[in-house]
PDB file of N, CA and C in Angstrom:
ATOM      1  N   MET A   1       0.852  15.990  76.467  1.00  0.00           N
ATOM      2  CA  MET A   1       0.101  16.564  75.210  1.00  0.00           C
ATOM      3  C   MET A   1      -1.654  15.560  75.920  1.00  0.00           C
ATOM      4  N   SER A   2      -2.694  16.773  75.899  1.00  0.00           N
ATOM      5  CA  SER A   2      -4.085  16.174  76.413  1.00  0.00           C
ATOM      6  C   SER A   2      -4.264  15.620  75.589  1.00  0.00           C
ATOM      7  N   ALA A   3      -5.651  15.033  75.716  1.00  0.00           N
ATOM      8  CA  ALA A   3      -6.709  14.535  74.676  1.00  0.00           C
ATOM      9  C   ALA A   3      -7.227  15.406  73.989  1.00  0.00           C
ATOM     10  N   LEU A   4      -7.671  16.696  74.630  1.00  0.00           N
ATOM     11  CA  LEU A   4      -7.931  17.929  73.868  1.00  0.00           C
ATOM     12  C   LEU A   4      -7.210  18.435  72.813  1.00  0.00           C
ATOM     13  N   ASP A   5      -5.795  18.550  73.098  1.00  0.00           N
ATOM     14  CA  ASP A   5      -4.499  19.082  72.189  1.00  0.00           C
ATOM     15  C   ASP A   5      -4.398  18.162  71.064  1.00  0.00           C
ATOM     16  N   LEU A   6      -4.727  16.655  71.434  1.00  0.00           N
ATOM     17  CA  LEU A   6      -4.594  15.539  70.250  1.00  0.00           C
ATOM     18  C   LEU A   6      -5.863  15.585  69.100  1.00  0.00           C
ATOM     19  N   LEU A   7      -6.940  15.898  69.837  1.00  0.00           N
ATOM     20  CA  LEU A   7      -8.277  15.953  69.197  1.00  0.00           C
ATOM     21  C   LEU A   7      -8.165  17.335  67.952  1.00  0.00           C
ATOM     22  N   GLU A   8      -7.284  18.536  68.777  1.00  0.00           N
ATOM     23  CA  GLU A   8      -7.392  19.432  68.090  1.00  0.00           C
ATOM     24  C   GLU A   8      -6.061  19.371  67.113  1.00  0.00           C
ATOM     25  N   THR A   9      -5.707  18.693  67.296  1.00  0.00           N
ATOM     26  CA  THR A   9      -4.388  18.413  66.139  1.00  0.00           C
ATOM     27  C   THR A   9      -4.820  17.826  64.822  1.00  0.00           C
ATOM     28  N   ALA A  10      -5.813  16.451  65.603  1.00  0.00           N
ATOM     29  CA  ALA A  10      -6.370  15.968  64.252  1.00  0.00           C
ATOM     30  C   ALA A  10      -7.420  16.429  63.547  1.00  0.00           C
ATOM     31  N   GLN A  11      -8.069  17.187  64.247  1.00  0.00           N
ATOM     32  CA  GLN A  11      -8.915  18.027  63.473  1.00  0.00           C
ATOM     33  C   GLN A  11      -8.245  18.961  62.305  1.00  0.00           C
ATOM     34  N   ALA A  12      -6.688  19.574  62.573  1.00  0.00           N
ATOM     35  CA  ALA A  12      -6.688  20.467  61.738  1.00  0.00           C
ATOM     36  C   ALA A  12      -5.869  19.873  60.653  1.00  0.00           C
ATOM     37  N   ILE A  13      -5.051  18.722  61.107  1.00  0.00           N
ATOM     38  CA  ILE A  13      -4.558  17.807  60.025  1.00  0.00           C
ATOM     39  C   ILE A  13      -5.989  17.212  58.780  1.00  0.00           C
ATOM     40  N   THR A  14      -7.040  16.592  59.314  1.00  0.00           N
ATOM     41  CA  THR A  14      -8.037  16.405  58.390  1.00  0.00           C
ATOM     42  C   THR A  14      -8.602  17.698  57.754  1.00  0.00           C
ATOM     43  N   GLY A  15      -8.621  18.652  58.491  1.00  0.00           N
ATOM     44  CA  GLY A  15      -9.019  20.075  57.680  1.00  0.00           C
ATOM     45  C   GLY A  15      -8.136  20.219  56.485  1.00  0.00           C
ATOM     46  N   ALA A  16      -7.042  20.589  56.780  1.00  0.00           N
ATOM     47  CA  ALA A  16      -6.047  20.585  56.038  1.00  0.00           C
ATOM     48  C   ALA A  16      -5.931  19.715  54.686  1.00  0.00           C
ATOM     49  N   ALA A  17      -6.064  18.368  54.960  1.00  0.00           N
ATOM     50  CA  ALA A  17      -5.904  17.119  54.080  1.00  0.00           C
ATOM     51  C   ALA A  17      -7.148  17.238  53.163  1.00  0.00           C
ATOM     52  N   LEU A  18      -8.269  17.600  53.660  1.00  0.00           N
ATOM     53  CA  LEU A  18      -9.567  17.967  52.859  1.00  0.00           C
ATOM     54  C   LEU A  18      -9.304  19.060  51.531  1.00  0.00           C
ATOM     55  N   LEU A  19      -8.821  20.059  52.203  1.00  0.00           N
ATOM     56  CA  LEU A  19      -8.924  21.213  51.775  1.00  0.00           C
ATOM     57  C   LEU A  19      -7.508  21.093  50.556  1.00  0.00           C
ATOM     58  N   ALA A  20      -6.273  20.387  50.723  1.00  0.00           N
ATOM     59  CA  ALA A  20      -5.599  20.105  49.976  1.00  0.00           C
ATOM     60  C   ALA A  20      -6.303  19.202  48.664  1.00  0.00           C
ATOM     61  N   GLY A  21      -6.908  18.240  49.327  1.00  0.00           N
ATOM     62  CA  GLY A  21      -7.832  17.353  48.405  1.00  0.00           C
ATOM     63  C   GLY A  21      -8.551  18.312  47.276  1.00  0.00           C
ATOM     64  N   GLY A  22      -9.279  19.235  47.771  1.00  0.00           N
ATOM     65  CA  GLY A  22     -10.093  20.002  47.186  1.00  0.00           C
ATOM     66  C   GLY A  22      -9.259  20.717  46.013  1.00  0.00           C
ATOM     67  N   ILE A  23      -8.013  21.294  46.170  1.00  0.00           N
ATOM     68  CA  ILE A  23      -7.200  21.967  45.560  1.00  0.00           C
ATOM     69  C   ILE A  23      -6.575  21.293  44.546  1.00  0.00           C
ATOM     70  N   ALA A  24      -6.099  19.855  44.977  1.00  0.00           N
ATOM     71  CA  ALA A  24      -5.385  19.172  44.063  1.00  0.00           C
ATOM     72  C   ALA A  24      -6.617  18.667  42.864  1.00  0.00           C
ATOM     73  N   LEU A  25      -7.753  18.269  42.984  1.00  0.00           N
ATOM     74  CA  LEU A  25      -9.109  18.329  42.452  1.00  0.00           C
ATOM     75  C   LEU A  25      -9.165  19.607  41.293  1.00  0.00           C
ATOM     76  N   PHE A  26      -9.190  20.688  41.818  1.00  0.00           N
ATOM     77  CA  PHE A  26      -9.336  21.925  40.915  1.00  0.00           C
ATOM     78  C   PHE A  26      -8.073  21.983  40.053  1.00  0.00           C
ATOM     79  N   VAL A  27      -6.744  21.558  40.485  1.00  0.00           N
ATOM     80  CA  VAL A  27      -5.821  21.630  39.465  1.00  0.00           C
ATOM     81  C   VAL A  27      -6.159  20.230  38.376  1.00  0.00           C
ATOM     82  N   VAL A  28      -6.622  19.531  39.002  1.00  0.00           N
ATOM     83  CA  VAL A  28      -6.861  18.405  37.755  1.00  0.00           C
ATOM     84  C   VAL A  28      -8.099  18.715  36.907  1.00  0.00           C
ATOM     85  N   ALA A  29      -8.734  19.665  37.265  1.00  0.00           N
ATOM     86  CA  ALA A  29      -9.686  20.074  36.613  1.00  0.00           C
ATOM     87  C   ALA A  29      -9.367  21.116  35.361  1.00  0.00           C
ATOM     88  N   GLY A  30      -8.444  21.987  35.999  1.00  0.00           N
ATOM     89  CA  GLY A  30      -7.923  22.868  35.348  1.00  0.00           C
ATOM     90  C   GLY A  30      -6.659  22.399  34.252  1.00  0.00           C
ATOM     91  N   VAL A  31      -5.994  21.213  34.467  1.00  0.00           N
ATOM     92  CA  VAL A  31      -5.325  20.638  33.581  1.00  0.00           C
ATOM     93  C   VAL A  31      -6.432  20.064  32.450  1.00  0.00           C
ATOM     94  N   GLY A  32      -7.472  18.999  33.005  1.00  0.00           N
ATOM     95  CA  GLY A  32      -8.277  18.601  32.093  1.00  0.00           C
ATOM     96  C   GLY A  32      -8.992  19.660  31.126  1.00  0.00           C
ATOM     97  N   LEU A  33      -9.141  20.882  31.431  1.00  0.00           N
ATOM     98  CA  LEU A  33      -9.491  22.041  30.663  1.00  0.00           C
ATOM     99  C   LEU A  33      -8.811  22.367  29.616  1.00  0.00           C
ATOM    100  N   ALA A  34      -7.467  22.390  30.111  1.00  0.00           N
ATOM    101  CA  ALA A  34      -5.943  22.540  29.285  1.00  0.00           C
ATOM    102  C   ALA A  34      -5.885  21.867  27.947  1.00  0.00           C
ATOM    103  N   ARG A  35      -6.015  20.525  28.492  1.00  0.00           N
ATOM    104  CA  ARG A  35      -5.139  19.530  27.812  1.00  0.00           C
ATOM    105  C   ARG A  35      -6.350  18.633  26.737  1.00  0.00           C
ATOM    106  N   PHE A  36      -7.447  18.607  27.064  1.00  0.00           N
ATOM    107  CA  PHE A  36      -8.462  17.514  26.553  1.00  0.00           C
ATOM    108  C   PHE A  36      -8.669  17.920  25.138  1.00  0.00           C
ATOM    109  N   PRO A  37      -8.826  17.235  24.229  1.00  0.00           N
ATOM    110  CA  PRO A  37      -8.978  17.823  22.772  1.00  0.00           C
ATOM    111  C   PRO A  37     -10.248  18.415  22.304  1.00  0.00           C
ATOM    112  N   ASP A  38     -11.681  17.677  22.668  1.00  0.00           N
ATOM    113  CA  ASP A  38     -12.946  18.246  22.198  1.00  0.00           C
ATOM    114  C   ASP A  38     -13.688  18.850  24.026  1.00  0.00           C
ATOM    115  N   PRO A  39     -14.705  19.777  23.227  1.00  0.00           N
ATOM    116  CA  PRO A  39     -15.453  20.375  24.295  1.00  0.00           C
ATOM    117  C   PRO A  39     -16.226  19.373  25.234  1.00  0.00           C
ATOM    118  N   TYR A  40     -16.520  18.141  25.022  1.00  0.00           N
ATOM    119  CA  TYR A  40     -17.313  17.307  25.502  1.00  0.00           C
ATOM    120  C   TYR A  40     -16.445  16.869  26.698  1.00  0.00           C
ATOM    121  N   THR A  41     -15.051  16.213  26.554  1.00  0.00           N
ATOM    122  CA  THR A  41     -14.325  15.816  27.585  1.00  0.00           C
ATOM    123  C   THR A  41     -13.903  16.877  28.674  1.00  0.00           C
ATOM    124  N   ARG A  42     -13.775  18.056  27.885  1.00  0.00           N
ATOM    125  CA  ARG A  42     -13.455  19.160  29.073  1.00  0.00           C
ATOM    126  C   ARG A  42     -14.724  19.734  29.714  1.00  0.00           C
ATOM    127  N   LEU A  43     -15.634  19.592  29.056  1.00  0.00           N
ATOM    128  CA  LEU A  43     -16.870  19.923  29.980  1.00  0.00           C
ATOM    129  C   LEU A  43     -17.103  18.872  31.309  1.00  0.00           C
ATOM    130  N   THR A  44     -16.651  17.386  30.723  1.00  0.00           N
ATOM    131  CA  THR A  44     -16.385  16.352  31.495  1.00  0.00           C
ATOM    132  C   THR A  44     -15.576  16.810  33.132  1.00  0.00           C
ATOM    133  N   ALA A  45     -14.728  17.053  32.617  1.00  0.00           N
ATOM    134  CA  ALA A  45     -13.133  16.959  33.386  1.00  0.00           C
ATOM    135  C   ALA A  45     -13.679  18.357  34.543  1.00  0.00           C
ATOM    136  N   VAL A  46     -14.021  19.365  33.597  1.00  0.00           N
ATOM    137  CA  VAL A  46     -14.139  20.714  34.834  1.00  0.00           C
ATOM    138  C   VAL A  46     -15.475  20.212  35.631  1.00  0.00           C
ATOM    139  N   THR A  47     -16.598  19.530  35.276  1.00  0.00           N
ATOM    140  CA  THR A  47     -17.702  19.159  35.749  1.00  0.00           C
ATOM    141  C   THR A  47     -17.499  18.366  36.969  1.00  0.00           C
ATOM    142  N   LYS A  48     -16.689  17.507  36.600  1.00  0.00           N
ATOM    143  CA  LYS A  48     -16.646  16.330  37.847  1.00  0.00           C
ATOM    144  C   LYS A  48     -15.523  16.702  38.617  1.00  0.00           C
ATOM    145  N   SER A  49     -14.295  16.977  38.313  1.00  0.00           N
ATOM    146  CA  SER A  49     -13.334  17.313  39.140  1.00  0.00           C
ATOM    147  C   SER A  49     -13.911  18.547  39.834  1.00  0.00           C
ATOM    148  N   GLY A  50     -14.422  19.684  39.227  1.00  0.00           N
ATOM    149  CA  GLY A  50     -14.964  21.145  39.931  1.00  0.00           C
ATOM    150  C   GLY A  50     -15.692  20.551  40.977  1.00  0.00           C
ATOM    151  N   THR A  51     -16.908  19.631  40.616  1.00  0.00           N
ATOM    152  CA  THR A  51     -18.091  19.631  42.028  1.00  0.00           C
ATOM    153  C   THR A  51     -16.881  18.876  43.373  1.00  0.00           C
ATOM    154  N   LEU A  52     -16.476  17.714  42.798  1.00  0.00           N
ATOM    155  CA  LEU A  52     -16.050  17.340  44.228  1.00  0.00           C
ATOM    156  C   LEU A  52     -14.899  17.988  44.810  1.00  0.00           C
ATOM    157  N   GLY A  53     -14.137  18.548  44.261  1.00  0.00           N
ATOM    158  CA  GLY A  53     -13.173  19.513  44.626  1.00  0.00           C
ATOM    159  C   GLY A  53     -13.713  20.354  45.414  1.00  0.00           C
ATOM    160  N   LEU A  54     -15.099  21.062  44.899  1.00  0.00           N
ATOM    161  CA  LEU A  54     -15.822  22.179  45.775  1.00  0.00           C
ATOM    162  C   LEU A  54     -16.399  21.594  46.872  1.00  0.00           C
ATOM    163  N   VAL A  55     -16.873  20.491  47.052  1.00  0.00           N
ATOM    164  CA  VAL A  55     -17.088  19.348  48.565  1.00  0.00           C
ATOM    165  C   VAL A  55     -16.484  19.286  48.981  1.00  0.00           C
ATOM    166  N   LEU A  56     -15.019  19.022  48.825  1.00  0.00           N
ATOM    167  CA  LEU A  56     -13.762  18.486  49.801  1.00  0.00           C
ATOM    168  C   LEU A  56     -13.501  19.674  50.403  1.00  0.00           C
ATOM    169  N   VAL A  57     -13.513  21.007  49.646  1.00  0.00           N
ATOM    170  CA  VAL A  57     -12.737  22.139  50.445  1.00  0.00           C
ATOM    171  C   VAL A  57     -13.857  22.495  51.403  1.00  0.00           C
ATOM    172  N   LEU A  58     -15.079  22.638  50.801  1.00  0.00           N
ATOM    173  CA  LEU A  58     -15.883  22.696  51.965  1.00  0.00           C
ATOM    174  C   LEU A  58     -16.184  21.952  53.212  1.00  0.00           C
ATOM    175  N   LEU A  59     -16.091  20.799  52.550  1.00  0.00           N
ATOM    176  CA  LEU A  59     -15.985  19.792  54.013  1.00  0.00           C
ATOM    177  C   LEU A  59     -14.687  20.165  55.030  1.00  0.00           C
ATOM    178  N   GLY A  60     -13.379  20.496  54.310  1.00  0.00           N
ATOM    179  CA  GLY A  60     -12.293  21.003  55.125  1.00  0.00           C
ATOM    180  C   GLY A  60     -12.750  21.904  55.984  1.00  0.00           C
ATOM    181  N   VAL A  61     -13.157  23.102  55.326  1.00  0.00           N
ATOM    182  CA  VAL A  61     -13.738  24.047  56.174  1.00  0.00           C
ATOM    183  C   VAL A  61     -14.658  23.735  57.185  1.00  0.00           C
ATOM    184  N   MET A  62     -15.622  22.803  57.327  1.00  0.00           N
ATOM    185  CA  MET A  62     -16.422  22.441  58.055  1.00  0.00           C
ATOM    186  C   MET A  62     -15.781  22.064  59.254  1.00  0.00           C
ATOM    187  N   VAL A  63     -14.484  20.821  58.911  1.00  0.00           N
ATOM    188  CA  VAL A  63     -14.057  20.136  60.047  1.00  0.00           C
ATOM    189  C   VAL A  63     -13.207  21.380  60.553  1.00  0.00           C
ATOM    190  N   SER A  64     -12.667  22.705  59.808  1.00  0.00           N
ATOM    191  CA  SER A  64     -11.437  23.292  60.749  1.00  0.00           C
ATOM    192  C   SER A  64     -12.145  24.294  61.582  1.00  0.00           C
ATOM    193  N   ASP A  65     -13.796  24.353  61.217  1.00  0.00           N
ATOM    194  CA  ASP A  65     -14.577  25.523  61.850  1.00  0.00           C
ATOM    195  C   ASP A  65     -16.007  24.464  62.347  1.00  0.00           C
ATOM    196  N   PRO A  66     -15.724  23.790  63.438  1.00  0.00           N
ATOM    197  CA  PRO A  66     -17.158  23.092  63.600  1.00  0.00           C
ATOM    198  C   PRO A  66     -18.050  23.343  64.435  1.00  0.00           C
ATOM    199  N   SER A  67     -18.990  24.573  63.752  1.00  0.00           N
ATOM    200  CA  SER A  67     -20.020  24.948  64.765  1.00  0.00           C
ATOM    201  C   SER A  67     -21.108  24.865  63.723  1.00  0.00           C
ATOM    202  N   LEU A  68     -22.317  25.014  64.587  1.00  0.00           N
ATOM    203  CA  LEU A  68     -23.707  24.555  63.898  1.00  0.00           C
ATOM    204  C   LEU A  68     -23.809  25.740  62.544  1.00  0.00           C
ATOM    205  N   ALA A  69     -23.372  26.956  62.593  1.00  0.00           N
ATOM    206  CA  ALA A  69     -24.158  27.846  62.234  1.00  0.00           C
ATOM    207  C   ALA A  69     -23.276  27.699  60.809  1.00  0.00           C
ATOM    208  N   THR A  70     -22.012  27.374  60.815  1.00  0.00           N
ATOM    209  CA  THR A  70     -20.980  26.867  59.982  1.00  0.00           C
ATOM    210  C   THR A  70     -21.516  25.701  58.947  1.00  0.00           C
ATOM    211  N   GLY A  71     -21.585  24.891  60.063  1.00  0.00           N
ATOM    212  CA  GLY A  71     -22.256  23.260  59.193  1.00  0.00           C
ATOM    213  C   GLY A  71     -23.620  23.608  58.637  1.00  0.00           C
ATOM    214  N   ILE A  72     -24.710  23.811  59.063  1.00  0.00           N
ATOM    215  CA  ILE A  72     -25.625  24.391  58.573  1.00  0.00           C
ATOM    216  C   ILE A  72     -25.494  25.003  56.876  1.00  0.00           C
ATOM    217  N   LYS A  73     -24.463  26.048  56.871  1.00  0.00           N
ATOM    218  CA  LYS A  73     -24.298  27.047  55.534  1.00  0.00           C
ATOM    219  C   LYS A  73     -23.405  26.095  54.710  1.00  0.00           C
ATOM    220  N   LEU A  74     -22.539  25.562  55.244  1.00  0.00           N
ATOM    221  CA  LEU A  74     -21.728  24.732  54.311  1.00  0.00           C
ATOM    222  C   LEU A  74     -22.603  23.508  53.859  1.00  0.00           C
ATOM    223  N   GLY A  75     -23.257  22.931  54.702  1.00  0.00           N
ATOM    224  CA  GLY A  75     -24.040  21.365  54.275  1.00  0.00           C
ATOM    225  C   GLY A  75     -25.071  22.163  53.143  1.00  0.00           C
ATOM    226  N   LEU A  76     -25.711  23.412  53.554  1.00  0.00           N
ATOM    227  CA  LEU A  76     -26.248  23.704  52.173  1.00  0.00           C
ATOM    228  C   LEU A  76     -25.794  24.077  50.983  1.00  0.00           C
ATOM    229  N   ALA A  77     -24.685  24.614  51.052  1.00  0.00           N
ATOM    230  CA  ALA A  77     -23.899  24.671  49.570  1.00  0.00           C
ATOM    231  C   ALA A  77     -23.533  23.526  48.879  1.00  0.00           C
ATOM    232  N   ILE A  78     -23.263  22.670  49.797  1.00  0.00           N
ATOM    233  CA  ILE A  78     -22.682  21.276  49.407  1.00  0.00           C
ATOM    234  C   ILE A  78     -24.023  21.027  48.424  1.00  0.00           C
ATOM    235  N   LEU A  79     -25.235  20.715  49.473  1.00  0.00           N
ATOM    236  CA  LEU A  79     -26.335  20.083  48.538  1.00  0.00           C
ATOM    237  C   LEU A  79     -26.782  20.688  47.425  1.00  0.00           C
ATOM    238  N   LEU A  80     -26.599  22.412  47.507  1.00  0.00           N
ATOM    239  CA  LEU A  80     -26.813  22.902  46.216  1.00  0.00           C
ATOM    240  C   LEU A  80     -25.758  22.693  44.764  1.00  0.00           C
ATOM    241  N   GLN A  81     -24.287  22.339  45.425  1.00  0.00           N
ATOM    242  CA  GLN A  81     -23.428  22.506  44.339  1.00  0.00           C
ATOM    243  C   GLN A  81     -23.925  20.958  43.786  1.00  0.00           C
ATOM    244  N   LEU A  82     -24.519  19.875  44.251  1.00  0.00           N
ATOM    245  CA  LEU A  82     -24.533  18.474  43.842  1.00  0.00           C
ATOM    246  C   LEU A  82     -25.636  18.464  43.209  1.00  0.00           C
ATOM    247  N   LEU A  83     -26.745  19.429  43.071  1.00  0.00           N
ATOM    248  CA  LEU A  83     -27.828  19.325  42.537  1.00  0.00           C
ATOM    249  C   LEU A  83     -27.452  20.252  41.314  1.00  0.00           C
ATOM    250  N   THR A  84     -26.791  21.104  41.570  1.00  0.00           N
ATOM    251  CA  THR A  84     -26.754  22.414  40.184  1.00  0.00           C
ATOM    252  C   THR A  84     -25.777  21.766  39.224  1.00  0.00           C
ATOM    253  N   ALA A  85     -24.912  21.251  39.696  1.00  0.00           N
ATOM    254  CA  ALA A  85     -23.458  21.240  38.641  1.00  0.00           C
ATOM    255  C   ALA A  85     -23.893  20.118  37.905  1.00  0.00           C
ATOM    256  N   PRO A  86     -24.416  18.992  38.009  1.00  0.00           N
ATOM    257  CA  PRO A  86     -24.577  18.035  37.158  1.00  0.00           C
ATOM    258  C   PRO A  86     -25.781  18.648  36.072  1.00  0.00           C
ATOM    259  N   ILE A  87     -26.532  19.679  36.345  1.00  0.00           N
ATOM    260  CA  ILE A  87     -27.731  19.888  35.155  1.00  0.00           C
ATOM    261  C   ILE A  87     -26.928  21.053  34.281  1.00  0.00           C
ATOM    262  N   GLY A  88     -26.075  22.093  35.019  1.00  0.00           N
ATOM    263  CA  GLY A  88     -25.442  22.845  34.519  1.00  0.00           C
ATOM    264  C   GLY A  88     -24.265  22.060  33.398  1.00  0.00           C
ATOM    265  N   GLY A  89     -23.582  21.262  33.995  1.00  0.00           N
ATOM    266  CA  GLY A  89     -22.645  20.532  32.648  1.00  0.00           C
ATOM    267  C   GLY A  89     -23.427  19.716  31.764  1.00  0.00           C
ATOM    268  N   LEU A  90     -24.594  19.091  32.008  1.00  0.00           N
ATOM    269  CA  LEU A  90     -25.626  18.687  30.777  1.00  0.00           C
ATOM    270  C   LEU A  90     -26.006  19.571  29.758  1.00  0.00           C
ATOM    271  N   SER A  91     -26.370  21.013  30.799  1.00  0.00           N
ATOM    272  CA  SER A  91     -26.770  22.141  29.754  1.00  0.00           C
ATOM    273  C   SER A  91     -25.754  22.528  28.510  1.00  0.00           C
ATOM    274  N   LEU A  92     -24.813  22.624  29.458  1.00  0.00           N
ATOM    275  CA  LEU A  92     -23.690  23.031  28.535  1.00  0.00           C
ATOM    276  C   LEU A  92     -23.079  22.185  27.318  1.00  0.00           C
ATOM    277  N   SER A  93     -23.023  20.995  27.737  1.00  0.00           N
ATOM    278  CA  SER A  93     -22.879  19.945  26.565  1.00  0.00           C
ATOM    279  C   SER A  93     -23.768  19.851  25.479  1.00  0.00           C
ATOM    280  N   ARG A  94     -25.186  19.860  25.903  1.00  0.00           N
ATOM    281  CA  ARG A  94     -26.060  19.846  25.153  1.00  0.00           C
ATOM    282  C   ARG A  94     -26.195  21.283  24.209  1.00  0.00           C
ATOM    283  N   GLY A  95     -26.107  22.231  24.568  1.00  0.00           N
ATOM    284  CA  GLY A  95     -25.937  23.455  23.847  1.00  0.00           C
ATOM    285  C   GLY A  95     -24.623  23.428  23.196  1.00  0.00           C
ATOM    286  N   THR A  96     -23.229  22.719  23.328  1.00  0.00           N
ATOM    287  CA  THR A  96     -22.160  22.507  22.701  1.00  0.00           C
ATOM    288  C   THR A  96     -22.476  21.404  21.523  1.00  0.00           C
ATOM    289  N   PHE A  97     -23.404  20.644  21.993  1.00  0.00           N
ATOM    290  CA  PHE A  97     -24.073  19.690  20.706  1.00  0.00           C
ATOM    291  C   PHE A  97     -24.750  20.179  19.749  1.00  0.00           C
ATOM    292  N   ARG A  98     -25.616  21.059  20.040  1.00  0.00           N
ATOM    293  CA  ARG A  98     -26.825  21.788  19.243  1.00  0.00           C
ATOM    294  C   ARG A  98     -25.787  22.890  18.296  1.00  0.00           C
ATOM    295  N   SER A  99     -24.823  23.162  18.652  1.00  0.00           N
ATOM    296  CA  SER A  99     -24.164  24.183  18.011  1.00  0.00           C
ATOM    297  C   SER A  99     -23.195  23.606  16.833  1.00  0.00           C
ATOM    298  N   GLY A 100     -23.008  22.232  16.876  1.00  0.00           N
ATOM    299  CA  GLY A 100     -22.400  21.421  15.650  1.00  0.00           C
ATOM    300  C   GLY A 100     -21.163  20.940  15.979  1.00  0.00           C
ATOM    301  N   ALA A 101     -20.627  21.468  17.305  1.00  0.00           N
ATOM    302  CA  ALA A 101     -19.159  21.197  17.468  1.00  0.00           C
ATOM    303  C   ALA A 101     -19.103  19.533  17.131  1.00  0.00           C
ATOM    304  N   ALA A 102     -17.784  19.290  16.969  1.00  0.00           N
ATOM    305  CA  ALA A 102     -17.517  17.961  16.536  1.00  0.00           C
ATOM    306  C   ALA A 102     -17.369  17.344  17.932  1.00  0.00           C
ATOM    307  N   LEU A 103     -17.918  15.816  17.485  1.00  0.00           N
ATOM    308  CA  LEU A 103     -17.949  14.759  18.412  1.00  0.00           C
ATOM    309  C   LEU A 103     -16.592  14.157  18.418  1.00  0.00           C
ATOM    310  N   PRO A 104     -16.219  13.442  19.831  1.00  0.00           N
ATOM    311  CA  PRO A 104     -14.934  12.812  19.668  1.00  0.00           C
ATOM    312  C   PRO A 104     -14.519  11.859  18.869  1.00  0.00           C
ATOM    313  N   ARG A 105     -13.531  11.659  18.316  1.00  0.00           N
ATOM    314  CA  ARG A 105     -13.088  10.680  17.196  1.00  0.00           C
ATOM    315  C   ARG A 105     -13.629   9.263  17.441  1.00  0.00           C
ATOM    316  N   PRO A 106     -13.188   8.446  18.462  1.00  0.00           N
ATOM    317  CA  PRO A 106     -13.679   7.054  18.928  1.00  0.00           C
ATOM    318  C   PRO A 106     -14.906   7.056  18.892  1.00  0.00           C
ATOM    319  N   LEU A 107     -15.806   7.904  19.089  1.00  0.00           N
ATOM    320  CA  LEU A 107     -17.362   7.713  19.217  1.00  0.00           C
ATOM    321  C   LEU A 107     -17.693   6.713  18.250  1.00  0.00           C
ATOM    322  N   GLN A 108     -18.295   5.670  18.493  1.00  0.00           N
ATOM    323  CA  GLN A 108     -18.499   4.521  17.538  1.00  0.00           C
ATOM    324  C   GLN A 108     -20.263   4.939  16.952  1.00  0.00           C
ATOM    325  N   TYR A 109     -20.772   5.160  17.942  1.00  0.00           N
ATOM    326  CA  TYR A 109     -22.469   5.580  17.653  1.00  0.00           C
ATOM    327  C   TYR A 109     -22.987   6.826  18.242  1.00  0.00           C
ATOM    328  N   ASP A 110     -23.623   7.453  17.316  1.00  0.00           N
ATOM    329  CA  ASP A 110     -24.041   8.704  17.924  1.00  0.00           C
ATOM    330  C   ASP A 110     -25.626   8.569  18.052  1.00  0.00           C
ATOM    331  N   GLU A 111     -26.038   8.586  19.140  1.00  0.00           N
ATOM    332  CA  GLU A 111     -27.686   8.438  19.456  1.00  0.00           C
ATOM    333  C   GLU A 111     -28.524   9.251  19.180  1.00  0.00           C
ATOM    334  N   MET A 112     -27.596  10.820  18.937  1.00  0.00           N
ATOM    335  CA  MET A 112     -28.749  12.095  19.004  1.00  0.00           C
ATOM    336  C   MET A 112     -28.408  12.482  17.690  1.00  0.00           C
ATOM    337  N   SER A 113     -27.789  11.770  16.515  1.00  0.00           N
ATOM    338  CA  SER A 113     -27.775  12.424  15.495  1.00  0.00           C
ATOM    339  C   SER A 113     -28.915  12.729  14.633  1.00  0.00           C
ATOM    340  N   GLU A 114     -30.202  12.139  14.606  1.00  0.00           N
ATOM    341  CA  GLU A 114     -31.543  12.381  14.664  1.00  0.00           C
ATOM    342  C   GLU A 114     -31.906  14.084  15.249  1.00  0.00           C
ATOM    343  N   GLN A 115     -31.372  13.884  16.163  1.00  0.00           N
ATOM    344  CA  GLN A 115     -31.921  15.314  16.640  1.00  0.00           C
ATOM    345  C   GLN A 115     -31.174  16.505  16.086  1.00  0.00           C
ATOM    346  N   ARG A 116     -29.406  16.015  16.030  1.00  0.00           N
ATOM    347  CA  ARG A 116     -28.827  17.005  15.436  1.00  0.00           C
ATOM    348  C   ARG A 116     -29.556  17.458  13.777  1.00  0.00           C
ATOM    349  N   SER A 117     -29.564  16.337  13.225  1.00  0.00           N
ATOM    350  CA  SER A 117     -30.521  16.719  11.752  1.00  0.00           C
ATOM    351  C   SER A 117     -31.778  17.447  11.663  1.00  0.00           C
ATOM    352  N   LYS A 118     -32.373  17.594  12.865  1.00  0.00           N
ATOM    353  CA  LYS A 118     -33.387  18.278  12.694  1.00  0.00           C
ATOM    354  C   LYS A 118     -33.152  19.664  13.204  1.00  0.00           C
ATOM    355  N   LEU A 119     -32.164  19.951  13.419  1.00  0.00           N
ATOM    356  CA  LEU A 119     -31.809  21.368  13.975  1.00  0.00           C
ATOM    357  C   LEU A 119     -31.441  22.216  13.039  1.00  0.00           C
TER     358      LEU A 119
END
């Protein structure tokens, strides 16, 4: 087995591991969406797990196909995902709060209750 064959095997294993990790995080996001009791924790599960899962999948594709064009496209996709997903999650949770959805039970202090009363 030559060094090139060994490198290609390591590249394939690393790419597959990253893809499997991303898929596992998508499954975790789906379970969180189905099982968590209130919309706020559901949004947290989907936003965090979905973002990291997509980043891992894109990194797995980047490792599996290491070309400059692929690296630029996937790097841009990762950057845009990391910039927009937190903003989208915040906007959705803020809209959920403004619609009057119940807060989770163990919440001790509601910092936004004044804003809710103004609505």
